[in-house]
C-alpha atoms as a PDB file:
ATOM      1  CA  MET A   1      41.443 -86.558  -3.808  1.00  0.00           C
ATOM      2  CA  LYS A   2      39.482 -88.661  -6.271  1.00  0.00           C
ATOM      3  CA  ARG A   3      38.685 -91.172  -3.530  1.00  0.00           C
ATOM      4  CA  VAL A   4      37.347 -88.412  -1.232  1.00  0.00           C
ATOM      5  CA  VAL A   5      35.003 -87.135  -3.953  1.00  0.00           C
ATOM      6  CA  ILE A   6      33.698 -90.647  -4.657  1.00  0.00           C
ATOM      7  CA  ILE A   7      33.084 -91.298  -0.950  1.00  0.00           C
ATOM      8  CA  GLY A   8      31.333 -87.917  -0.624  1.00  0.00           C
ATOM      9  CA  VAL A   9      29.021 -88.642  -3.558  1.00  0.00           C
ATOM     10  CA  LEU A  10      28.190 -92.097  -2.199  1.00  0.00           C
ATOM     11  CA  LEU A  11      27.445 -90.589   1.205  1.00  0.00           C
ATOM     12  CA  LEU A  12      25.061 -88.060  -0.384  1.00  0.00           C
ATOM     13  CA  ILE A  13      23.271 -90.835  -2.279  1.00  0.00           C
ATOM     14  CA  VAL A  14      22.863 -92.909   0.892  1.00  0.00           C
ATOM     15  CA  MET A  15      21.476 -89.883   2.775  1.00  0.00           C
ATOM     16  CA  ALA A  16      19.027 -89.120  -0.054  1.00  0.00           C
ATOM     17  CA  VAL A  17      17.757 -92.711   0.014  1.00  0.00           C
ATOM     18  CA  MET A  18      17.419 -92.741   3.803  1.00  0.00           C
ATOM     19  CA  TYR A  19      15.568 -89.403   3.956  1.00  0.00           C
ATOM     20  CA  ARG A  20      13.607 -89.656   0.700  1.00  0.00           C
ATOM     21  CA  GLN A  21      10.317 -88.744   2.376  1.00  0.00           C
ATOM     22  CA  ARG A  22      11.757 -85.552   3.935  1.00  0.00           C
ATOM     23  CA  LEU A  23      13.734 -84.340   0.930  1.00  0.00           C
ATOM     24  CA  PHE A  24      11.822 -82.260  -1.627  1.00  0.00           C
ATOM     25  CA  LEU A  25      13.469 -81.526  -4.983  1.00  0.00           C
ATOM     26  CA  ARG A  26      12.294 -78.740  -7.270  1.00  0.00           C
ATOM     27  CA  ASP A  27      10.087 -79.715 -10.190  1.00  0.00           C
ATOM     28  CA  PRO A  28      10.902 -77.115 -12.871  1.00  0.00           C
ATOM     29  CA  LEU A  29       7.935 -78.200 -14.985  1.00  0.00           C
ATOM     30  CA  GLY A  30       5.419 -78.063 -12.126  1.00  0.00           C
ATOM     31  CA  ALA A  31       2.698 -75.409 -12.359  1.00  0.00           C
ATOM     32  CA  VAL A  32       0.389 -73.921  -9.735  1.00  0.00           C
ATOM     33  CA  GLU A  33      -3.108 -72.582 -10.398  1.00  0.00           C
ATOM     34  CA  ARG A  34      -5.353 -70.723  -7.959  1.00  0.00           C
ATOM     35  CA  ASN A  35      -9.029 -70.658  -8.924  1.00  0.00           C
ATOM     36  CA  GLY A  36      -8.083 -71.610 -12.493  1.00  0.00           C
ATOM     37  CA  LEU A  37      -5.473 -68.847 -12.923  1.00  0.00           C
ATOM     38  CA  ARG A  38      -1.768 -69.630 -13.123  1.00  0.00           C
ATOM     39  CA  VAL A  39       0.256 -68.367 -10.144  1.00  0.00           C
ATOM     40  CA  ASP A  40       3.435 -66.699 -11.371  1.00  0.00           C
ATOM     41  CA  GLY A  41       6.537 -67.155  -9.266  1.00  0.00           C
ATOM     42  CA  ALA A  42       5.326 -70.229  -7.371  1.00  0.00           C
ATOM     43  CA  SER A  43       7.807 -73.095  -7.116  1.00  0.00           C
ATOM     44  CA  VAL A  44       6.792 -76.734  -6.860  1.00  0.00           C
ATOM     45  CA  TYR A  45       8.893 -79.265  -4.968  1.00  0.00           C
ATOM     46  CA  ILE A  46       8.168 -83.001  -4.806  1.00  0.00           C
ATOM     47  CA  ASN A  47       9.611 -85.881  -2.847  1.00  0.00           C
ATOM     48  CA  TYR A  48       9.958 -89.571  -3.665  1.00  0.00           C
ATOM     49  CA  TYR A  49       6.323 -90.251  -2.714  1.00  0.00           C
ATOM     50  CA  ASN A  50       4.958 -87.344  -4.837  1.00  0.00           C
ATOM     51  CA  ASP A  51       4.085 -85.294  -1.767  1.00  0.00           C
ATOM     52  CA  VAL A  52       4.036 -81.640  -2.800  1.00  0.00           C
ATOM     53  CA  LEU A  53       5.585 -78.503  -1.342  1.00  0.00           C
ATOM     54  CA  ILE A  54       4.538 -75.177  -2.876  1.00  0.00           C
ATOM     55  CA  ARG A  55       6.535 -71.996  -2.211  1.00  0.00           C
ATOM     56  CA  ASN A  56       5.805 -68.506  -3.493  1.00  0.00           C
ATOM     57  CA  ALA A  57       8.462 -66.367  -5.193  1.00  0.00           C
ATOM     58  CA  GLU A  58       9.669 -64.694  -2.000  1.00  0.00           C
ATOM     59  CA  GLY A  59       9.586 -67.939  -0.001  1.00  0.00           C
ATOM     60  CA  GLU A  60       7.368 -66.235   2.589  1.00  0.00           C
ATOM     61  CA  GLN A  61       4.504 -68.693   2.342  1.00  0.00           C
ATOM     62  CA  SER A  62       4.649 -72.449   1.835  1.00  0.00           C
ATOM     63  CA  TRP A  63       2.012 -75.144   1.571  1.00  0.00           C
ATOM     64  CA  LEU A  64       2.815 -78.771   2.238  1.00  0.00           C
ATOM     65  CA  VAL A  65       0.519 -81.542   1.022  1.00  0.00           C
ATOM     66  CA  GLN A  66       1.363 -85.041   2.233  1.00  0.00           C
ATOM     67  CA  ARG A  67      -0.751 -88.140   1.765  1.00  0.00           C
ATOM     68  CA  ASP A  68      -0.945 -88.887   5.485  1.00  0.00           C
ATOM     69  CA  SER A  69      -1.849 -85.414   6.708  1.00  0.00           C
ATOM     70  CA  VAL A  70      -4.023 -82.365   6.103  1.00  0.00           C
ATOM     71  CA  PRO A  71      -2.520 -79.645   3.871  1.00  0.00           C
ATOM     72  CA  GLY A  72      -0.866 -76.871   5.826  1.00  0.00           C
ATOM     73  CA  THR A  73       2.088 -74.598   6.351  1.00  0.00           C
ATOM     74  CA  PRO A  74       5.188 -76.531   7.486  1.00  0.00           C
ATOM     75  CA  ALA A  75       6.286 -75.765  11.041  1.00  0.00           C
ATOM     76  CA  LYS A  76       9.975 -76.146  10.174  1.00  0.00           C
ATOM     77  CA  LEU A  77      11.345 -76.041   6.659  1.00  0.00           C
ATOM     78  CA  THR A  78      14.907 -75.579   5.453  1.00  0.00           C
ATOM     79  CA  CYS A  79      15.639 -74.788   1.808  1.00  0.00           C
ATOM     80  CA  LEU A  80      18.527 -74.311  -0.544  1.00  0.00           C
ATOM     81  CA  ARG A  81      17.448 -71.551  -2.882  1.00  0.00           C
ATOM     82  CA  GLY A  82      15.729 -72.928  -5.959  1.00  0.00           C
ATOM     83  CA  MET A  83      17.041 -76.479  -5.549  1.00  0.00           C
ATOM     84  CA  MET A  84      15.647 -78.445  -2.636  1.00  0.00           C
ATOM     85  CA  CYS A  85      13.965 -78.275   0.737  1.00  0.00           C
ATOM     86  CA  TRP A  86      13.744 -80.666   3.652  1.00  0.00           C
ATOM     87  CA  THR A  87      11.455 -81.093   6.630  1.00  0.00           C
ATOM     88  CA  GLU A  88      12.268 -82.184  10.175  1.00  0.00           C
ATOM     89  CA  ALA A  89      10.314 -85.461  10.028  1.00  0.00           C
ATOM     90  CA  ASN A  90       8.894 -87.928   7.527  1.00  0.00           C
ATOM     91  CA  ILE A  91       5.389 -86.647   8.263  1.00  0.00           C
ATOM     92  CA  ALA A  92       6.080 -82.975   8.881  1.00  0.00           C
ATOM     93  CA  ALA A  93       4.212 -80.960  11.486  1.00  0.00           C
ATOM     94  CA  VAL A  94       2.014 -78.388   9.776  1.00  0.00           C
ATOM     95  CA  ALA A  95      -0.093 -75.446  10.860  1.00  0.00           C
ATOM     96  CA  PRO A  96      -3.582 -75.996   9.374  1.00  0.00           C
ATOM     97  CA  LEU A  97      -4.626 -73.653   6.580  1.00  0.00           C
ATOM     98  CA  GLY A  98      -8.158 -73.075   7.775  1.00  0.00           C
ATOM     99  CA  SER A  99     -10.341 -72.801  10.828  1.00  0.00           C
ATOM    100  CA  VAL A 100     -12.122 -75.540  12.769  1.00  0.00           C
ATOM    101  CA  GLY A 101     -14.459 -76.555   9.932  1.00  0.00           C
ATOM    102  CA  TYR A 102     -11.715 -76.631   7.295  1.00  0.00           C
ATOM    103  CA  ARG A 103     -12.283 -79.220   4.572  1.00  0.00           C
ATOM    104  CA  PRO A 104      -9.414 -79.347   2.097  1.00  0.00           C
ATOM    105  CA  ASN A 105     -11.160 -81.607  -0.475  1.00  0.00           C
ATOM    106  CA  LEU A 106      -7.745 -83.069  -1.185  1.00  0.00           C
ATOM    107  CA  VAL A 107      -7.268 -85.032  -4.414  1.00  0.00           C
ATOM    108  CA  MET A 108      -3.808 -86.461  -5.132  1.00  0.00           C
ATOM    109  CA  THR A 109      -2.649 -88.390  -8.173  1.00  0.00           C
ATOM    110  CA  ASN A 110       0.824 -88.899  -9.584  1.00  0.00           C
ATOM    111  CA  LYS A 111       0.260 -86.023 -12.061  1.00  0.00           C
ATOM    112  CA  GLU A 112      -1.950 -83.565 -10.168  1.00  0.00           C
ATOM    113  CA  VAL A 113      -2.752 -82.369  -6.656  1.00  0.00           C
ATOM    114  CA  SER A 114      -5.754 -80.194  -5.857  1.00  0.00           C
ATOM    115  CA  PHE A 115      -7.072 -78.851  -2.555  1.00  0.00           C
ATOM    116  CA  ARG A 116      -8.742 -75.835  -0.947  1.00  0.00           C
ATOM    117  CA  ASP A 117      -6.706 -73.432   1.162  1.00  0.00           C
ATOM    118  CA  GLY A 118      -7.918 -71.642   4.301  1.00  0.00           C
ATOM    119  CA  ASN A 119      -9.587 -68.872   2.247  1.00  0.00           C
ATOM    120  CA  ASP A 120     -11.552 -71.491   0.274  1.00  0.00           C
ATOM    121  CA  ASN A 121      -9.506 -70.840  -2.879  1.00  0.00           C
ATOM    122  CA  GLY A 122      -8.977 -73.865  -5.086  1.00  0.00           C
ATOM    123  CA  LEU A 123      -5.315 -74.691  -5.614  1.00  0.00           C
ATOM    124  CA  ARG A 124      -4.238 -77.090  -8.356  1.00  0.00           C
ATOM    125  CA  VAL A 125      -0.686 -78.294  -8.871  1.00  0.00           C
ATOM    126  CA  VAL A 126       0.277 -80.033 -12.110  1.00  0.00           C
ATOM    127  CA  LEU A 127       3.389 -82.164 -11.765  1.00  0.00           C
ATOM    128  CA  ARG A 128       5.961 -82.811 -14.495  1.00  0.00           C
END
């Protein structure tokens, strides 16, 4: 039994390393602000590359911000409640947040991500 548990844990570690760009873990210290006001109930998830996934309290709306793409709503997202989420590809397909002239004004650092959503609201995410 002990050997099965050890093999299972090693398998999980290998999978996490292989899919580190798709796997988003919850950042319990992450905070979300919209137009300078803190958004209660929003959860922040980050992956190995500090790409950010933001989910509201009900999980109805999500925003995905990756370095190689425009911020948007993920086309396919699977989550374990309050722990982690994963996307279908390393660079996930997203539905754009805005219309044709959408300019997200995306700024990403290792401690903060800020962008404009489709309604031209400023969103700021503070990591860790």
